N, C-alpha and C. Protein backbone atom coordinates (compact mmCIF):
# COMPACT_ATOMS: atom_id res chain seq x y z
N MET A 1 104.98 104.91 104.74
CA MET A 1 104.19 105.17 105.93
C MET A 1 104.39 106.60 106.43
N ARG A 2 105.64 107.01 106.59
CA ARG A 2 105.93 108.33 107.16
C ARG A 2 106.15 109.40 106.10
N THR A 3 106.01 109.07 104.85
CA THR A 3 106.33 110.00 103.78
C THR A 3 105.60 111.33 103.93
N GLU A 4 104.32 111.28 104.25
CA GLU A 4 103.54 112.50 104.42
C GLU A 4 104.06 113.35 105.57
N TRP A 5 104.42 112.71 106.68
CA TRP A 5 104.95 113.44 107.83
C TRP A 5 106.27 114.11 107.49
N VAL A 6 107.14 113.37 106.81
CA VAL A 6 108.47 113.88 106.47
C VAL A 6 108.37 115.04 105.48
N THR A 7 107.56 114.90 104.44
CA THR A 7 107.46 115.96 103.43
C THR A 7 106.82 117.22 103.99
N SER A 8 105.96 117.11 104.97
CA SER A 8 105.34 118.30 105.55
C SER A 8 106.34 119.15 106.32
N ARG A 9 107.49 118.56 106.68
CA ARG A 9 108.51 119.29 107.44
C ARG A 9 109.80 119.48 106.65
N GLN A 10 109.77 119.26 105.34
CA GLN A 10 111.00 119.27 104.55
C GLN A 10 111.69 120.63 104.50
N HIS A 11 110.98 121.71 104.73
CA HIS A 11 111.60 123.04 104.67
C HIS A 11 112.11 123.52 106.03
N ASP A 12 111.89 122.74 107.08
CA ASP A 12 112.42 123.11 108.40
C ASP A 12 113.93 122.92 108.40
N THR A 13 114.64 123.83 109.08
CA THR A 13 116.09 123.74 109.15
C THR A 13 116.53 122.55 109.99
N ILE A 14 115.93 122.40 111.15
CA ILE A 14 116.23 121.29 112.05
C ILE A 14 115.01 120.38 112.07
N ARG A 15 115.23 119.08 111.79
CA ARG A 15 114.08 118.17 111.67
C ARG A 15 114.19 116.98 112.60
N THR A 16 114.78 117.14 113.77
CA THR A 16 114.89 116.01 114.69
C THR A 16 113.67 115.95 115.59
N GLN A 17 113.38 114.75 116.07
CA GLN A 17 112.26 114.57 116.99
C GLN A 17 112.51 115.36 118.28
N MET A 18 113.76 115.40 118.74
CA MET A 18 114.07 116.14 119.96
C MET A 18 113.83 117.64 119.77
N HIS A 19 114.20 118.16 118.63
CA HIS A 19 113.97 119.59 118.37
C HIS A 19 112.48 119.92 118.45
N TYR A 20 111.66 119.12 117.76
CA TYR A 20 110.22 119.37 117.79
C TYR A 20 109.66 119.20 119.21
N ALA A 21 110.13 118.19 119.92
CA ALA A 21 109.65 117.94 121.28
C ALA A 21 109.97 119.12 122.19
N ARG A 22 111.17 119.66 122.07
CA ARG A 22 111.57 120.80 122.90
C ARG A 22 110.84 122.07 122.53
N GLN A 23 110.33 122.15 121.30
CA GLN A 23 109.52 123.29 120.87
C GLN A 23 108.06 123.12 121.27
N GLY A 24 107.71 121.96 121.86
CA GLY A 24 106.34 121.70 122.27
C GLY A 24 105.47 121.13 121.16
N VAL A 25 106.09 120.70 120.06
CA VAL A 25 105.36 120.18 118.91
C VAL A 25 105.25 118.66 119.01
N ILE A 26 104.05 118.14 118.85
CA ILE A 26 103.84 116.69 118.80
C ILE A 26 103.77 116.30 117.33
N THR A 27 104.74 115.51 116.89
CA THR A 27 104.83 115.11 115.48
C THR A 27 103.95 113.88 115.22
N GLY A 28 103.78 113.58 113.96
CA GLY A 28 103.04 112.37 113.58
C GLY A 28 103.70 111.12 114.12
N GLU A 29 105.04 111.12 114.14
CA GLU A 29 105.76 109.98 114.70
C GLU A 29 105.47 109.82 116.18
N MET A 30 105.40 110.92 116.91
CA MET A 30 105.10 110.86 118.35
C MET A 30 103.69 110.33 118.58
N GLU A 31 102.74 110.78 117.78
CA GLU A 31 101.36 110.28 117.91
C GLU A 31 101.28 108.79 117.61
N PHE A 32 101.97 108.35 116.57
CA PHE A 32 101.99 106.93 116.21
C PHE A 32 102.59 106.10 117.34
N VAL A 33 103.72 106.56 117.87
CA VAL A 33 104.39 105.85 118.97
C VAL A 33 103.51 105.81 120.21
N ALA A 34 102.81 106.89 120.50
CA ALA A 34 101.93 106.93 121.67
C ALA A 34 100.84 105.87 121.57
N ARG A 35 100.24 105.73 120.38
CA ARG A 35 99.23 104.69 120.20
C ARG A 35 99.85 103.30 120.36
N ARG A 36 101.02 103.12 119.80
CA ARG A 36 101.71 101.83 119.87
C ARG A 36 102.09 101.46 121.30
N GLU A 37 102.50 102.45 122.08
CA GLU A 37 102.95 102.22 123.46
C GLU A 37 101.81 102.34 124.47
N ASN A 38 100.62 102.75 124.01
CA ASN A 38 99.45 102.91 124.88
C ASN A 38 99.68 103.98 125.96
N VAL A 39 100.24 105.11 125.54
CA VAL A 39 100.43 106.27 126.41
C VAL A 39 99.97 107.51 125.64
N THR A 40 99.99 108.66 126.30
CA THR A 40 99.55 109.89 125.63
C THR A 40 100.68 110.46 124.77
N PRO A 41 100.32 111.15 123.69
CA PRO A 41 101.34 111.82 122.88
C PRO A 41 102.16 112.84 123.68
N GLU A 42 101.52 113.49 124.64
CA GLU A 42 102.24 114.47 125.48
C GLU A 42 103.31 113.79 126.32
N PHE A 43 103.05 112.58 126.80
CA PHE A 43 104.06 111.84 127.56
C PHE A 43 105.26 111.54 126.67
N ILE A 44 105.01 111.08 125.45
CA ILE A 44 106.09 110.80 124.50
C ILE A 44 106.88 112.08 124.24
N ARG A 45 106.19 113.17 123.94
CA ARG A 45 106.86 114.44 123.67
C ARG A 45 107.74 114.88 124.82
N SER A 46 107.21 114.80 126.04
CA SER A 46 107.97 115.27 127.20
C SER A 46 109.19 114.39 127.47
N GLU A 47 109.07 113.09 127.29
CA GLU A 47 110.21 112.20 127.51
C GLU A 47 111.29 112.39 126.44
N VAL A 48 110.88 112.61 125.21
CA VAL A 48 111.85 112.89 124.14
C VAL A 48 112.54 114.22 124.43
N ALA A 49 111.79 115.22 124.83
CA ALA A 49 112.37 116.54 125.13
C ALA A 49 113.37 116.46 126.28
N ARG A 50 113.11 115.61 127.25
CA ARG A 50 114.02 115.46 128.40
C ARG A 50 115.22 114.59 128.08
N GLY A 51 115.19 113.91 126.94
CA GLY A 51 116.30 113.04 126.56
C GLY A 51 116.23 111.66 127.16
N ARG A 52 115.07 111.29 127.69
CA ARG A 52 114.91 109.99 128.32
C ARG A 52 114.31 108.95 127.37
N MET A 53 113.94 109.39 126.17
CA MET A 53 113.34 108.50 125.18
C MET A 53 113.77 108.99 123.80
N ILE A 54 113.95 108.05 122.87
CA ILE A 54 114.25 108.42 121.50
C ILE A 54 113.25 107.76 120.56
N ILE A 55 113.09 108.37 119.40
CA ILE A 55 112.29 107.79 118.33
C ILE A 55 113.20 107.76 117.11
N PRO A 56 113.80 106.62 116.81
CA PRO A 56 114.63 106.55 115.61
C PRO A 56 113.76 106.82 114.38
N ALA A 57 113.96 107.93 113.72
CA ALA A 57 113.09 108.33 112.61
C ALA A 57 113.93 108.97 111.51
N ASN A 58 114.82 108.21 110.91
CA ASN A 58 115.67 108.71 109.84
C ASN A 58 114.81 109.15 108.65
N LEU A 59 115.09 110.33 108.14
CA LEU A 59 114.31 110.88 107.04
C LEU A 59 114.38 110.05 105.77
N HIS A 60 115.45 109.30 105.60
CA HIS A 60 115.64 108.50 104.39
C HIS A 60 115.03 107.11 104.48
N HIS A 61 114.41 106.79 105.60
CA HIS A 61 113.76 105.49 105.79
C HIS A 61 112.29 105.71 106.14
N ALA A 62 111.59 106.36 105.25
CA ALA A 62 110.20 106.75 105.52
C ALA A 62 109.23 105.58 105.58
N SER A 63 109.64 104.41 105.11
CA SER A 63 108.72 103.26 105.13
C SER A 63 108.73 102.52 106.46
N LEU A 64 109.66 102.83 107.34
CA LEU A 64 109.74 102.14 108.63
C LEU A 64 108.74 102.70 109.63
N ALA A 65 108.20 101.83 110.47
CA ALA A 65 107.27 102.26 111.51
C ALA A 65 108.06 102.80 112.70
N PRO A 66 107.74 104.01 113.17
CA PRO A 66 108.46 104.57 114.31
C PRO A 66 108.20 103.77 115.58
N MET A 67 109.18 103.77 116.48
CA MET A 67 109.04 103.13 117.78
C MET A 67 109.77 103.96 118.81
N ALA A 68 109.41 103.76 120.06
CA ALA A 68 110.07 104.48 121.16
C ALA A 68 111.05 103.55 121.85
N ILE A 69 112.19 104.10 122.21
CA ILE A 69 113.18 103.37 122.97
C ILE A 69 113.56 104.25 124.15
N GLY A 70 113.40 103.72 125.36
CA GLY A 70 113.79 104.48 126.53
C GLY A 70 112.85 104.29 127.69
N VAL A 71 113.01 105.16 128.68
CA VAL A 71 112.22 105.11 129.90
C VAL A 71 110.74 105.29 129.57
N GLY A 72 109.91 104.44 130.14
CA GLY A 72 108.47 104.56 129.95
C GLY A 72 107.94 103.86 128.72
N SER A 73 108.80 103.20 127.96
CA SER A 73 108.33 102.47 126.78
C SER A 73 108.48 100.98 127.02
N THR A 74 107.80 100.21 126.18
CA THR A 74 107.90 98.76 126.32
C THR A 74 109.30 98.30 125.90
N CYS A 75 109.66 97.13 126.37
CA CYS A 75 111.00 96.59 126.12
C CYS A 75 111.11 96.11 124.67
N LYS A 76 112.21 96.47 124.03
CA LYS A 76 112.53 95.97 122.70
C LYS A 76 113.78 95.13 122.81
N ILE A 77 113.78 93.96 122.22
CA ILE A 77 114.93 93.06 122.31
C ILE A 77 115.48 92.84 120.91
N ASN A 78 116.76 93.06 120.77
CA ASN A 78 117.45 92.80 119.51
C ASN A 78 118.51 91.75 119.80
N ALA A 79 118.27 90.54 119.35
CA ALA A 79 119.20 89.44 119.65
C ALA A 79 119.75 88.85 118.37
N ASN A 80 121.03 88.63 118.37
CA ASN A 80 121.69 87.96 117.26
C ASN A 80 122.34 86.71 117.84
N ILE A 81 121.70 85.59 117.63
CA ILE A 81 122.20 84.33 118.20
C ILE A 81 122.79 83.51 117.07
N GLY A 82 124.05 83.13 117.24
CA GLY A 82 124.70 82.34 116.21
C GLY A 82 126.20 82.42 116.34
N ASN A 83 126.87 81.85 115.39
CA ASN A 83 128.33 81.87 115.39
C ASN A 83 128.83 83.06 114.60
N SER A 84 129.91 83.63 115.09
CA SER A 84 130.48 84.74 114.33
C SER A 84 131.96 84.55 114.13
């Protein structure tokens, strides 16, 4: 899914979503997340730049769909119910 986005930035020295957000760049991941969260890409970029939102986007997991975690995004629940 993200292979094209990742390869287009492979020669950049720093490839984090926060770095691009602070440079004013809206990445493909940010656009995807904005559609998923029903907000503008600029809102996603500004929240990531401020450190109030993250987009887990590991370069080695290009098949995963990006999502936003943080202020202004929908709630994500990760529950592990069982015996340990």
